[in-house]
């Protein structure tokens, strides 16, 4: 639905813009070795909906989402049938 101040030409112009016109080139992220408590803090206390995961070379290697956090929590919850093992 068009808002009163929008016109079709304004919408057409917005649709023709490229992703680079809207993206942020500076953003919060976590390293793949970041402690999960820090990730939980960013998502719960700072309102992040997802957090990009970068490696040491700053390459994108993943994305932490609420679903992935729930998976981790379910794996470490007492009474679950899964065991948490530290990998070195």
Foldseek 3Di string as FASTA:
>chain_A
DDDPPDDPVNVVVVVPDDPVVPDDPDDDAEEPPDDVVVVVCCCPVVVDQKHFYAYPVRDTDDMGHPVNVVVVCLQPDPPRPHDDDDDD
